[in-house]
Amino acid sequence: MKRALRLIATTAFVSTLSLGGPAQAREMELDDARPSALAMFGDALIVRPVMTVATVGGAAVWLVTLPFSAIGGNTGEAAETLVKDPAATAFVRCLGCTPQQHERLRADKRVAQANEE
């Protein structure tokens, strides 16, 4: 039993160290920046499921706290923070994109559509 726990702890530690490199903060130029395969993979396997659960959990928390939000007059803000933002991250944002990359790609698409019309 101890050996299995030690193996799991070692595996988790090594995984944490090996995934730390891509997570380093650095400024990206957004002109031609596209998400990498690693970013897409991590987004599909980790971020999307977590944000889907956060959306469902946020909806439950929003529903439970709705009377208090209504009294405070901030039901819209609470809904946006607890439900809309996680849902947008889980279902709307492009796969592997950072929020800045997603906004840039959306802006580029709007400009292209405007130029076609």
PDB file of N, CA and C in Angstrom:
ATOM      1  N   MET A   1       0.812  -1.185   0.000  1.00  0.00           N
ATOM      2  CA  MET A   1       0.000   0.000   0.000  1.00  0.00           C
ATOM      3  C   MET A   1       0.866   1.263   0.000  1.00  0.00           C
ATOM      4  N   LYS A   2       1.908   1.255   0.873  1.00  0.00           N
ATOM      5  CA  LYS A   2       2.805   2.402   0.920  1.00  0.00           C
ATOM      6  C   LYS A   2       3.527   2.593  -0.417  1.00  0.00           C
ATOM      7  N   ARG A   3       3.882   1.465  -1.015  1.00  0.00           N
ATOM      8  CA  ARG A   3       4.600   1.538  -2.291  1.00  0.00           C
ATOM      9  C   ARG A   3       3.714   2.142  -3.384  1.00  0.00           C
ATOM     10  N   ALA A   4       2.449   1.772  -3.398  1.00  0.00           N
ATOM     11  CA  ALA A   4       1.519   2.322  -4.389  1.00  0.00           C
ATOM     12  C   ALA A   4       1.323   3.816  -4.167  1.00  0.00           C
ATOM     13  N   LEU A   5       1.167   4.248  -2.929  1.00  0.00           N
ATOM     14  CA  LEU A   5       1.016   5.671  -2.639  1.00  0.00           C
ATOM     15  C   LEU A   5       2.269   6.452  -3.010  1.00  0.00           C
ATOM     16  N   ARG A   6       3.428   5.864  -2.751  1.00  0.00           N
ATOM     17  CA  ARG A   6       4.689   6.506  -3.097  1.00  0.00           C
ATOM     18  C   ARG A   6       4.811   6.638  -4.625  1.00  0.00           C
ATOM     19  N   LEU A   7       4.388   5.616  -5.351  1.00  0.00           N
ATOM     20  CA  LEU A   7       4.431   5.644  -6.808  1.00  0.00           C
ATOM     21  C   LEU A   7       3.487   6.714  -7.359  1.00  0.00           C
ATOM     22  N   ILE A   8       2.295   6.803  -6.794  1.00  0.00           N
ATOM     23  CA  ILE A   8       1.332   7.817  -7.242  1.00  0.00           C
ATOM     24  C   ILE A   8       1.856   9.216  -6.943  1.00  0.00           C
ATOM     25  N   ALA A   9       2.418   9.422  -5.767  1.00  0.00           N
ATOM     26  CA  ALA A   9       2.956  10.733  -5.403  1.00  0.00           C
ATOM     27  C   ALA A   9       4.121  11.118  -6.301  1.00  0.00           C
ATOM     28  N   THR A  10       4.993  10.169  -6.593  1.00  0.00           N
ATOM     29  CA  THR A  10       6.129  10.433  -7.472  1.00  0.00           C
ATOM     30  C   THR A  10       5.657  10.768  -8.880  1.00  0.00           C
ATOM     31  N   THR A  11       4.692  10.020  -9.372  1.00  0.00           N
ATOM     32  CA  THR A  11       4.145  10.284 -10.709  1.00  0.00           C
ATOM     33  C   THR A  11       3.512  11.662 -10.776  1.00  0.00           C
ATOM     34  N   ALA A  12       2.749  12.023  -9.765  1.00  0.00           N
ATOM     35  CA  ALA A  12       2.123  13.344  -9.736  1.00  0.00           C
ATOM     36  C   ALA A  12       3.179  14.445  -9.686  1.00  0.00           C
ATOM     37  N   PHE A  13       4.221  14.250  -8.905  1.00  0.00           N
ATOM     38  CA  PHE A  13       5.284  15.246  -8.800  1.00  0.00           C
ATOM     39  C   PHE A  13       6.021  15.416 -10.120  1.00  0.00           C
ATOM     40  N   VAL A  14       6.375  14.318 -10.758  1.00  0.00           N
ATOM     41  CA  VAL A  14       7.081  14.379 -12.038  1.00  0.00           C
ATOM     42  C   VAL A  14       6.188  15.011 -13.104  1.00  0.00           C
ATOM     43  N   SER A  15       4.905  14.681 -13.104  1.00  0.00           N
ATOM     44  CA  SER A  15       3.981  15.282 -14.064  1.00  0.00           C
ATOM     45  C   SER A  15       3.890  16.784 -13.867  1.00  0.00           C
ATOM     46  N   THR A  16       3.850  17.205 -12.624  1.00  0.00           N
ATOM     47  CA  THR A  16       3.792  18.632 -12.331  1.00  0.00           C
ATOM     48  C   THR A  16       5.045  19.342 -12.835  1.00  0.00           C
ATOM     49  N   LEU A  17       6.191  18.742 -12.637  1.00  0.00           N
ATOM     50  CA  LEU A  17       7.428  19.357 -13.111  1.00  0.00           C
ATOM     51  C   LEU A  17       7.506  19.392 -14.627  1.00  0.00           C
ATOM     52  N   SER A  18       7.054  18.336 -15.280  1.00  0.00           N
ATOM     53  CA  SER A  18       7.171  18.285 -16.736  1.00  0.00           C
ATOM     54  C   SER A  18       6.183  19.213 -17.430  1.00  0.00           C
ATOM     55  N   LEU A  19       5.066  19.520 -16.807  1.00  0.00           N
ATOM     56  CA  LEU A  19       4.084  20.403 -17.421  1.00  0.00           C
ATOM     57  C   LEU A  19       4.296  21.863 -17.058  1.00  0.00           C
ATOM     58  N   GLY A  20       5.255  22.142 -16.209  1.00  0.00           N
ATOM     59  CA  GLY A  20       5.497  23.512 -15.785  1.00  0.00           C
ATOM     60  C   GLY A  20       6.114  24.385 -16.860  1.00  0.00           C
ATOM     61  N   GLY A  21       6.869  23.814 -17.776  1.00  0.00           N
ATOM     62  CA  GLY A  21       7.523  24.587 -18.828  1.00  0.00           C
ATOM     63  C   GLY A  21       6.560  25.347 -19.714  1.00  0.00           C
ATOM     64  N   PRO A  22       5.550  24.672 -20.289  1.00  0.00           N
ATOM     65  CA  PRO A  22       4.619  25.396 -21.158  1.00  0.00           C
ATOM     66  C   PRO A  22       3.770  26.414 -20.406  1.00  0.00           C
ATOM     67  N   ALA A  23       3.653  26.278 -19.099  1.00  0.00           N
ATOM     68  CA  ALA A  23       2.789  27.175 -18.339  1.00  0.00           C
ATOM     69  C   ALA A  23       3.493  28.455 -17.920  1.00  0.00           C
ATOM     70  N   GLN A  24       4.762  28.612 -18.280  1.00  0.00           N
ATOM     71  CA  GLN A  24       5.475  29.821 -17.892  1.00  0.00           C
ATOM     72  C   GLN A  24       4.855  31.018 -18.590  1.00  0.00           C
ATOM     73  N   ALA A  25       4.725  32.092 -17.826  1.00  0.00           N
ATOM     74  CA  ALA A  25       4.119  33.298 -18.378  1.00  0.00           C
ATOM     75  C   ALA A  25       5.117  33.987 -19.302  1.00  0.00           C
ATOM     76  N   ARG A  26       4.653  34.313 -20.478  1.00  0.00           N
ATOM     77  CA  ARG A  26       5.469  35.092 -21.410  1.00  0.00           C
ATOM     78  C   ARG A  26       4.529  35.858 -22.319  1.00  0.00           C
ATOM     79  N   GLU A  27       4.996  36.963 -22.801  1.00  0.00           N
ATOM     80  CA  GLU A  27       4.173  37.785 -23.645  1.00  0.00           C
ATOM     81  C   GLU A  27       4.187  37.227 -25.066  1.00  0.00           C
ATOM     82  N   MET A  28       3.012  37.059 -25.623  1.00  0.00           N
ATOM     83  CA  MET A  28       2.914  36.509 -26.975  1.00  0.00           C
ATOM     84  C   MET A  28       2.503  37.613 -27.936  1.00  0.00           C
ATOM     85  N   GLU A  29       3.072  37.576 -29.095  1.00  0.00           N
ATOM     86  CA  GLU A  29       2.606  38.461 -30.136  1.00  0.00           C
ATOM     87  C   GLU A  29       1.408  37.808 -30.772  1.00  0.00           C
ATOM     88  N   LEU A  30       0.322  38.540 -30.888  1.00  0.00           N
ATOM     89  CA  LEU A  30      -0.925  37.949 -31.344  1.00  0.00           C
ATOM     90  C   LEU A  30      -1.132  38.063 -32.846  1.00  0.00           C
ATOM     91  N   ASP A  31      -0.166  38.644 -33.571  1.00  0.00           N
ATOM     92  CA  ASP A  31      -0.362  38.819 -35.001  1.00  0.00           C
ATOM     93  C   ASP A  31      -0.586  37.492 -35.709  1.00  0.00           C
ATOM     94  N   ASP A  32       0.305  36.552 -35.552  1.00  0.00           N
ATOM     95  CA  ASP A  32       0.166  35.257 -36.201  1.00  0.00           C
ATOM     96  C   ASP A  32       0.121  34.127 -35.183  1.00  0.00           C
ATOM     97  N   ALA A  33      -0.205  34.439 -33.946  1.00  0.00           N
ATOM     98  CA  ALA A  33      -0.196  33.430 -32.891  1.00  0.00           C
ATOM     99  C   ALA A  33      -1.394  32.503 -33.038  1.00  0.00           C
ATOM    100  N   ARG A  34      -1.117  31.248 -33.088  1.00  0.00           N
ATOM    101  CA  ARG A  34      -2.144  30.214 -33.111  1.00  0.00           C
ATOM    102  C   ARG A  34      -1.841  29.278 -31.958  1.00  0.00           C
ATOM    103  N   PRO A  35      -2.856  28.661 -31.386  1.00  0.00           N
ATOM    104  CA  PRO A  35      -2.598  27.740 -30.282  1.00  0.00           C
ATOM    105  C   PRO A  35      -1.786  26.536 -30.742  1.00  0.00           C
ATOM    106  N   SER A  36      -0.900  26.083 -29.882  1.00  0.00           N
ATOM    107  CA  SER A  36      -0.091  24.915 -30.203  1.00  0.00           C
ATOM    108  C   SER A  36      -0.898  23.648 -29.968  1.00  0.00           C
ATOM    109  N   ALA A  37      -0.356  22.534 -30.422  1.00  0.00           N
ATOM    110  CA  ALA A  37      -1.024  21.250 -30.217  1.00  0.00           C
ATOM    111  C   ALA A  37      -1.102  20.932 -28.732  1.00  0.00           C
ATOM    112  N   LEU A  38      -0.063  21.276 -27.976  1.00  0.00           N
ATOM    113  CA  LEU A  38      -0.075  21.039 -26.539  1.00  0.00           C
ATOM    114  C   LEU A  38      -1.154  21.875 -25.858  1.00  0.00           C
ATOM    115  N   ALA A  39      -1.316  23.121 -26.293  1.00  0.00           N
ATOM    116  CA  ALA A  39      -2.357  23.976 -25.724  1.00  0.00           C
ATOM    117  C   ALA A  39      -3.742  23.415 -26.025  1.00  0.00           C
ATOM    118  N   MET A  40      -3.945  22.939 -27.236  1.00  0.00           N
ATOM    119  CA  MET A  40      -5.241  22.348 -27.605  1.00  0.00           C
ATOM    120  C   MET A  40      -5.510  21.078 -26.806  1.00  0.00           C
ATOM    121  N   PHE A  41      -4.476  20.260 -26.657  1.00  0.00           N
ATOM    122  CA  PHE A  41      -4.602  19.007 -25.915  1.00  0.00           C
ATOM    123  C   PHE A  41      -4.967  19.288 -24.454  1.00  0.00           C
ATOM    124  N   GLY A  42      -4.239  20.189 -23.826  1.00  0.00           N
ATOM    125  CA  GLY A  42      -4.519  20.542 -22.439  1.00  0.00           C
ATOM    126  C   GLY A  42      -5.884  21.177 -22.265  1.00  0.00           C
ATOM    127  N   ASP A  43      -6.260  22.004 -23.232  1.00  0.00           N
ATOM    128  CA  ASP A  43      -7.566  22.651 -23.180  1.00  0.00           C
ATOM    129  C   ASP A  43      -8.683  21.619 -23.282  1.00  0.00           C
ATOM    130  N   ALA A  44      -8.532  20.676 -24.203  1.00  0.00           N
ATOM    131  CA  ALA A  44      -9.581  19.674 -24.414  1.00  0.00           C
ATOM    132  C   ALA A  44      -9.700  18.704 -23.244  1.00  0.00           C
ATOM    133  N   LEU A  45      -8.572  18.327 -22.643  1.00  0.00           N
ATOM    134  CA  LEU A  45      -8.611  17.317 -21.591  1.00  0.00           C
ATOM    135  C   LEU A  45      -8.757  17.870 -20.178  1.00  0.00           C
ATOM    136  N   ILE A  46      -8.343  19.117 -19.961  1.00  0.00           N
ATOM    137  CA  ILE A  46      -8.365  19.646 -18.605  1.00  0.00           C
ATOM    138  C   ILE A  46      -9.325  20.826 -18.475  1.00  0.00           C
ATOM    139  N   VAL A  47      -9.114  21.865 -19.265  1.00  0.00           N
ATOM    140  CA  VAL A  47      -9.850  23.109 -19.070  1.00  0.00           C
ATOM    141  C   VAL A  47     -11.331  22.954 -19.400  1.00  0.00           C
ATOM    142  N   ARG A  48     -11.657  22.362 -20.540  1.00  0.00           N
ATOM    143  CA  ARG A  48     -13.076  22.251 -20.929  1.00  0.00           C
ATOM    144  C   ARG A  48     -13.902  21.448 -19.933  1.00  0.00           C
ATOM    145  N   PRO A  49     -13.439  20.257 -19.495  1.00  0.00           N
ATOM    146  CA  PRO A  49     -14.245  19.543 -18.493  1.00  0.00           C
ATOM    147  C   PRO A  49     -14.376  20.304 -17.173  1.00  0.00           C
ATOM    148  N   VAL A  50     -13.298  20.946 -16.737  1.00  0.00           N
ATOM    149  CA  VAL A  50     -13.356  21.702 -15.483  1.00  0.00           C
ATOM    150  C   VAL A  50     -14.330  22.868 -15.611  1.00  0.00           C
ATOM    151  N   MET A  51     -14.297  23.573 -16.721  1.00  0.00           N
ATOM    152  CA  MET A  51     -15.187  24.712 -16.902  1.00  0.00           C
ATOM    153  C   MET A  51     -16.638  24.278 -17.111  1.00  0.00           C
ATOM    154  N   THR A  52     -16.853  23.095 -17.666  1.00  0.00           N
ATOM    155  CA  THR A  52     -18.212  22.574 -17.781  1.00  0.00           C
ATOM    156  C   THR A  52     -18.775  22.294 -16.392  1.00  0.00           C
ATOM    157  N   VAL A  53     -17.976  21.674 -15.535  1.00  0.00           N
ATOM    158  CA  VAL A  53     -18.391  21.432 -14.150  1.00  0.00           C
ATOM    159  C   VAL A  53     -18.590  22.764 -13.426  1.00  0.00           C
ATOM    160  N   ALA A  54     -17.712  23.730 -13.678  1.00  0.00           N
ATOM    161  CA  ALA A  54     -17.845  25.047 -13.049  1.00  0.00           C
ATOM    162  C   ALA A  54     -19.120  25.744 -13.502  1.00  0.00           C
ATOM    163  N   THR A  55     -19.521  25.545 -14.751  1.00  0.00           N
ATOM    164  CA  THR A  55     -20.759  26.133 -15.243  1.00  0.00           C
ATOM    165  C   THR A  55     -21.963  25.550 -14.515  1.00  0.00           C
ATOM    166  N   VAL A  56     -21.995  24.232 -14.399  1.00  0.00           N
ATOM    167  CA  VAL A  56     -23.101  23.575 -13.709  1.00  0.00           C
ATOM    168  C   VAL A  56     -23.104  23.951 -12.226  1.00  0.00           C
ATOM    169  N   GLY A  57     -21.939  23.915 -11.601  1.00  0.00           N
ATOM    170  CA  GLY A  57     -21.842  24.298 -10.189  1.00  0.00           C
ATOM    171  C   GLY A  57     -22.181  25.767  -9.978  1.00  0.00           C
ATOM    172  N   GLY A  58     -21.731  26.614 -10.887  1.00  0.00           N
ATOM    173  CA  GLY A  58     -22.045  28.042 -10.796  1.00  0.00           C
ATOM    174  C   GLY A  58     -23.527  28.305 -10.942  1.00  0.00           C
ATOM    175  N   ALA A  59     -24.185  27.540 -11.830  1.00  0.00           N
ATOM    176  CA  ALA A  59     -25.635  27.689 -11.985  1.00  0.00           C
ATOM    177  C   ALA A  59     -26.353  27.292 -10.701  1.00  0.00           C
ATOM    178  N   ALA A  60     -25.871  26.229 -10.056  1.00  0.00           N
ATOM    179  CA  ALA A  60     -26.485  25.799  -8.800  1.00  0.00           C
ATOM    180  C   ALA A  60     -26.278  26.848  -7.716  1.00  0.00           C
ATOM    181  N   VAL A  61     -25.060  27.376  -7.614  1.00  0.00           N
ATOM    182  CA  VAL A  61     -24.777  28.410  -6.607  1.00  0.00           C
ATOM    183  C   VAL A  61     -25.588  29.660  -6.909  1.00  0.00           C
ATOM    184  N   TRP A  62     -25.693  30.028  -8.172  1.00  0.00           N
ATOM    185  CA  TRP A  62     -26.467  31.210  -8.550  1.00  0.00           C
ATOM    186  C   TRP A  62     -27.936  31.037  -8.174  1.00  0.00           C
ATOM    187  N   LEU A  63     -28.467  29.845  -8.418  1.00  0.00           N
ATOM    188  CA  LEU A  63     -29.862  29.587  -8.089  1.00  0.00           C
ATOM    189  C   LEU A  63     -30.098  29.654  -6.579  1.00  0.00           C
ATOM    190  N   VAL A  64     -29.190  29.091  -5.805  1.00  0.00           N
ATOM    191  CA  VAL A  64     -29.338  29.107  -4.341  1.00  0.00           C
ATOM    192  C   VAL A  64     -29.221  30.528  -3.799  1.00  0.00           C
ATOM    193  N   THR A  65     -28.325  31.319  -4.370  1.00  0.00           N
ATOM    194  CA  THR A  65     -28.105  32.677  -3.865  1.00  0.00           C
ATOM    195  C   THR A  65     -28.959  33.723  -4.574  1.00  0.00           C
ATOM    196  N   LEU A  66     -29.854  33.287  -5.452  1.00  0.00           N
ATOM    197  CA  LEU A  66     -30.681  34.220  -6.212  1.00  0.00           C
ATOM    198  C   LEU A  66     -31.496  35.159  -5.317  1.00  0.00           C
ATOM    199  N   PRO A  67     -32.132  34.684  -4.250  1.00  0.00           N
ATOM    200  CA  PRO A  67     -32.875  35.636  -3.411  1.00  0.00           C
ATOM    201  C   PRO A  67     -31.987  36.741  -2.833  1.00  0.00           C
ATOM    202  N   PHE A  68     -30.771  36.383  -2.428  1.00  0.00           N
ATOM    203  CA  PHE A  68     -29.866  37.378  -1.865  1.00  0.00           C
ATOM    204  C   PHE A  68     -29.358  38.336  -2.941  1.00  0.00           C
ATOM    205  N   SER A  69     -29.118  37.804  -4.136  1.00  0.00           N
ATOM    206  CA  SER A  69     -28.685  38.660  -5.243  1.00  0.00           C
ATOM    207  C   SER A  69     -29.798  39.608  -5.648  1.00  0.00           C
ATOM    208  N   ALA A  70     -31.036  39.122  -5.623  1.00  0.00           N
ATOM    209  CA  ALA A  70     -32.168  39.977  -5.980  1.00  0.00           C
ATOM    210  C   ALA A  70     -32.325  41.108  -4.965  1.00  0.00           C
ATOM    211  N   ILE A  71     -32.151  40.794  -3.695  1.00  0.00           N
ATOM    212  CA  ILE A  71     -32.232  41.829  -2.668  1.00  0.00           C
ATOM    213  C   ILE A  71     -31.107  42.845  -2.858  1.00  0.00           C
ATOM    214  N   GLY A  72     -29.926  42.363  -3.185  1.00  0.00           N
ATOM    215  CA  GLY A  72     -28.786  43.248  -3.390  1.00  0.00           C
ATOM    216  C   GLY A  72     -28.799  43.949  -4.741  1.00  0.00           C
ATOM    217  N   GLY A  73     -29.630  43.490  -5.649  1.00  0.00           N
ATOM    218  CA  GLY A  73     -29.741  44.123  -6.963  1.00  0.00           C
ATOM    219  C   GLY A  73     -28.621  43.779  -7.923  1.00  0.00           C
ATOM    220  N   ASN A  74     -27.989  42.636  -7.734  1.00  0.00           N
ATOM    221  CA  ASN A  74     -26.897  42.276  -8.643  1.00  0.00           C
ATOM    222  C   ASN A  74     -27.079  40.878  -9.239  1.00  0.00           C
ATOM    223  N   THR A  75     -28.292  40.538  -9.623  1.00  0.00           N
ATOM    224  CA  THR A  75     -28.529  39.212 -10.200  1.00  0.00           C
ATOM    225  C   THR A  75     -27.798  39.057 -11.526  1.00  0.00           C
ATOM    226  N   GLY A  76     -27.749  40.112 -12.315  1.00  0.00           N
ATOM    227  CA  GLY A  76     -27.057  40.040 -13.600  1.00  0.00           C
ATOM    228  C   GLY A  76     -25.566  39.818 -13.450  1.00  0.00           C
ATOM    229  N   GLU A  77     -24.960  40.540 -12.528  1.00  0.00           N
ATOM    230  CA  GLU A  77     -23.525  40.377 -12.275  1.00  0.00           C
ATOM    231  C   GLU A  77     -23.215  38.971 -11.764  1.00  0.00           C
ATOM    232  N   ALA A  78     -24.073  38.480 -10.853  1.00  0.00           N
ATOM    233  CA  ALA A  78     -23.865  37.142 -10.310  1.00  0.00           C
ATOM    234  C   ALA A  78     -24.008  36.090 -11.402  1.00  0.00           C
ATOM    235  N   ALA A  79     -25.006  36.236 -12.257  1.00  0.00           N
ATOM    236  CA  ALA A  79     -25.201  35.277 -13.344  1.00  0.00           C
ATOM    237  C   ALA A  79     -24.030  35.303 -14.312  1.00  0.00           C
ATOM    238  N   GLU A  80     -23.531  36.487 -14.607  1.00  0.00           N
ATOM    239  CA  GLU A  80     -22.403  36.589 -15.533  1.00  0.00           C
ATOM    240  C   GLU A  80     -21.149  35.940 -14.960  1.00  0.00           C
ATOM    241  N   THR A  81     -20.888  36.198 -13.692  1.00  0.00           N
ATOM    242  CA  THR A  81     -19.679  35.662 -13.063  1.00  0.00           C
ATOM    243  C   THR A  81     -19.769  34.163 -12.821  1.00  0.00           C
ATOM    244  N   LEU A  82     -20.910  33.697 -12.342  1.00  0.00           N
ATOM    245  CA  LEU A  82     -21.036  32.297 -11.949  1.00  0.00           C
ATOM    246  C   LEU A  82     -21.412  31.362 -13.094  1.00  0.00           C
ATOM    247  N   VAL A  83     -22.110  31.870 -14.121  1.00  0.00           N
ATOM    248  CA  VAL A  83     -22.609  30.982 -15.174  1.00  0.00           C
ATOM    249  C   VAL A  83     -22.069  31.360 -16.554  1.00  0.00           C
ATOM    250  N   LYS A  84     -22.224  32.621 -16.933  1.00  0.00           N
ATOM    251  CA  LYS A  84     -21.903  33.016 -18.309  1.00  0.00           C
ATOM    252  C   LYS A  84     -20.416  32.914 -18.633  1.00  0.00           C
ATOM    253  N   ASP A  85     -19.553  33.413 -17.761  1.00  0.00           N
ATOM    254  CA  ASP A  85     -18.111  33.376 -18.031  1.00  0.00           C
ATOM    255  C   ASP A  85     -17.570  31.947 -18.122  1.00  0.00           C
ATOM    256  N   PRO A  86     -17.889  31.054 -17.156  1.00  0.00           N
ATOM    257  CA  PRO A  86     -17.417  29.673 -17.310  1.00  0.00           C
ATOM    258  C   PRO A  86     -18.006  28.978 -18.537  1.00  0.00           C
ATOM    259  N   ALA A  87     -19.268  29.276 -18.851  1.00  0.00           N
ATOM    260  CA  ALA A  87     -19.886  28.658 -20.029  1.00  0.00           C
ATOM    261  C   ALA A  87     -19.206  29.130 -21.310  1.00  0.00           C
ATOM    262  N   ALA A  88     -18.875  30.408 -21.380  1.00  0.00           N
ATOM    263  CA  ALA A  88     -18.183  30.918 -22.565  1.00  0.00           C
ATOM    264  C   ALA A  88     -16.807  30.274 -22.711  1.00  0.00           C
ATOM    265  N   THR A  89     -16.120  30.082 -21.605  1.00  0.00           N
ATOM    266  CA  THR A  89     -14.811  29.432 -21.652  1.00  0.00           C
ATOM    267  C   THR A  89     -14.943  27.975 -22.081  1.00  0.00           C
ATOM    268  N   ALA A  90     -15.983  27.316 -21.618  1.00  0.00           N
ATOM    269  CA  ALA A  90     -16.151  25.891 -21.917  1.00  0.00           C
ATOM    270  C   ALA A  90     -16.678  25.640 -23.323  1.00  0.00           C
ATOM    271  N   PHE A  91     -17.559  26.502 -23.832  1.00  0.00           N
ATOM    272  CA  PHE A  91     -18.265  26.163 -25.059  1.00  0.00           C
ATOM    273  C   PHE A  91     -18.051  27.120 -26.225  1.00  0.00           C
ATOM    274  N   VAL A  92     -17.581  28.327 -25.985  1.00  0.00           N
ATOM    275  CA  VAL A  92     -17.497  29.315 -27.065  1.00  0.00           C
ATOM    276  C   VAL A  92     -16.064  29.567 -27.518  1.00  0.00           C
ATOM    277  N   ARG A  93     -15.145  29.653 -26.580  1.00  0.00           N
ATOM    278  CA  ARG A  93     -13.755  29.992 -26.890  1.00  0.00           C
ATOM    279  C   ARG A  93     -13.127  28.936 -27.789  1.00  0.00           C
ATOM    280  N   CYS A  94     -12.266  29.367 -28.708  1.00  0.00           N
ATOM    281  CA  CYS A  94     -11.621  28.425 -29.619  1.00  0.00           C
ATOM    282  C   CYS A  94     -10.671  27.496 -28.851  1.00  0.00           C
ATOM    283  N   LEU A  95     -10.508  26.298 -29.353  1.00  0.00           N
ATOM    284  CA  LEU A  95      -9.748  25.264 -28.661  1.00  0.00           C
ATOM    285  C   LEU A  95      -8.276  25.659 -28.542  1.00  0.00           C
ATOM    286  N   GLY A  96      -7.800  25.752 -27.325  1.00  0.00           N
ATOM    287  CA  GLY A  96      -6.401  26.071 -27.070  1.00  0.00           C
ATOM    288  C   GLY A  96      -6.083  27.548 -27.027  1.00  0.00           C
ATOM    289  N   CYS A  97      -7.046  28.396 -27.331  1.00  0.00           N
ATOM    290  CA  CYS A  97      -6.801  29.840 -27.354  1.00  0.00           C
ATOM    291  C   CYS A  97      -6.826  30.431 -25.963  1.00  0.00           C
ATOM    292  N   THR A  98      -5.992  31.428 -25.757  1.00  0.00           N
ATOM    293  CA  THR A  98      -6.109  32.252 -24.562  1.00  0.00           C
ATOM    294  C   THR A  98      -7.249  33.227 -24.815  1.00  0.00           C
ATOM    295  N   PRO A  99      -7.778  33.873 -23.795  1.00  0.00           N
ATOM    296  CA  PRO A  99      -8.843  34.854 -24.042  1.00  0.00           C
ATOM    297  C   PRO A  99      -8.412  35.957 -25.018  1.00  0.00           C
ATOM    298  N   GLN A 100      -7.143  36.378 -24.946  1.00  0.00           N
ATOM    299  CA  GLN A 100      -6.669  37.413 -25.864  1.00  0.00           C
ATOM    300  C   GLN A 100      -6.628  36.894 -27.298  1.00  0.00           C
ATOM    301  N   GLN A 101      -6.168  35.663 -27.486  1.00  0.00           N
ATOM    302  CA  GLN A 101      -6.138  35.088 -28.833  1.00  0.00           C
ATOM    303  C   GLN A 101      -7.551  34.931 -29.375  1.00  0.00           C
ATOM    304  N   HIS A 102      -8.468  34.511 -28.518  1.00  0.00           N
ATOM    305  CA  HIS A 102      -9.848  34.320 -28.953  1.00  0.00           C
ATOM    306  C   HIS A 102     -10.459  35.646 -29.415  1.00  0.00           C
ATOM    307  N   GLU A 103     -10.251  36.698 -28.623  1.00  0.00           N
ATOM    308  CA  GLU A 103     -10.784  38.009 -29.014  1.00  0.00           C
ATOM    309  C   GLU A 103     -10.148  38.501 -30.305  1.00  0.00           C
ATOM    310  N   ARG A 104      -8.855  38.266 -30.471  1.00  0.00           N
ATOM    311  CA  ARG A 104      -8.170  38.684 -31.694  1.00  0.00           C
ATOM    312  C   ARG A 104      -8.727  37.943 -32.909  1.00  0.00           C
ATOM    313  N   LEU A 105      -8.929  36.625 -32.783  1.00  0.00           N
ATOM    314  CA  LEU A 105      -9.483  35.854 -33.891  1.00  0.00           C
ATOM    315  C   LEU A 105     -10.902  36.283 -34.217  1.00  0.00           C
ATOM    316  N   ARG A 106     -11.707  36.585 -33.188  1.00  0.00           N
ATOM    317  CA  ARG A 106     -13.071  37.064 -33.432  1.00  0.00           C
ATOM    318  C   ARG A 106     -13.047  38.406 -34.152  1.00  0.00           C
ATOM    319  N   ALA A 107     -12.144  39.295 -33.747  1.00  0.00           N
ATOM    320  CA  ALA A 107     -12.033  40.599 -34.394  1.00  0.00           C
ATOM    321  C   ALA A 107     -11.591  40.437 -35.848  1.00  0.00           C
ATOM    322  N   ASP A 108     -10.642  39.534 -36.093  1.00  0.00           N
ATOM    323  CA  ASP A 108     -10.199  39.288 -37.467  1.00  0.00           C
ATOM    324  C   ASP A 108     -11.332  38.762 -38.333  1.00  0.00           C
ATOM    325  N   LYS A 109     -12.164  37.875 -37.773  1.00  0.00           N
ATOM    326  CA  LYS A 109     -13.310  37.346 -38.524  1.00  0.00           C
ATOM    327  C   LYS A 109     -14.332  38.437 -38.831  1.00  0.00           C
ATOM    328  N   ARG A 110     -14.576  39.335 -37.866  1.00  0.00           N
ATOM    329  CA  ARG A 110     -15.515  40.435 -38.109  1.00  0.00           C
ATOM    330  C   ARG A 110     -14.999  41.357 -39.208  1.00  0.00           C
ATOM    331  N   VAL A 111     -13.706  41.622 -39.191  1.00  0.00           N
ATOM    332  CA  VAL A 111     -13.127  42.480 -40.226  1.00  0.00           C
ATOM    333  C   VAL A 111     -13.219  41.803 -41.587  1.00  0.00           C
ATOM    334  N   ALA A 112     -12.932  40.510 -41.649  1.00  0.00           N
ATOM    335  CA  ALA A 112     -13.029  39.787 -42.912  1.00  0.00           C
ATOM    336  C   ALA A 112     -14.457  39.767 -43.437  1.00  0.00           C
ATOM    337  N   GLN A 113     -15.429  39.571 -42.550  1.00  0.00           N
ATOM    338  CA  GLN A 113     -16.826  39.580 -42.976  1.00  0.00           C
ATOM    339  C   GLN A 113     -17.249  40.961 -43.452  1.00  0.00           C
ATOM    340  N   ALA A 114     -16.790  42.010 -42.772  1.00  0.00           N
ATOM    341  CA  ALA A 114     -17.120  43.361 -43.183  1.00  0.00           C
ATOM    342  C   ALA A 114     -16.504  43.694 -44.538  1.00  0.00           C
ATOM    343  N   ASN A 115     -15.323  43.170 -44.813  1.00  0.00           N
ATOM    344  CA  ASN A 115     -14.673  43.418 -46.099  1.00  0.00           C
ATOM    345  C   ASN A 115     -15.364  42.676 -47.229  1.00  0.00           C
ATOM    346  N   GLU A 116     -15.981  41.541 -46.926  1.00  0.00           N
ATOM    347  CA  GLU A 116     -16.684  40.787 -47.962  1.00  0.00           C
ATOM    348  C   GLU A 116     -18.001  41.446 -48.359  1.00  0.00           C
ATOM    349  N   GLU A 117     -18.605  42.158 -47.430  1.00  0.00           N
ATOM    350  CA  GLU A 117     -19.912  42.789 -47.706  1.00  0.00           C
ATOM    351  C   GLU A 117     -19.788  44.052 -48.447  1.00  0.00           C
TER     352      GLU A 117
END
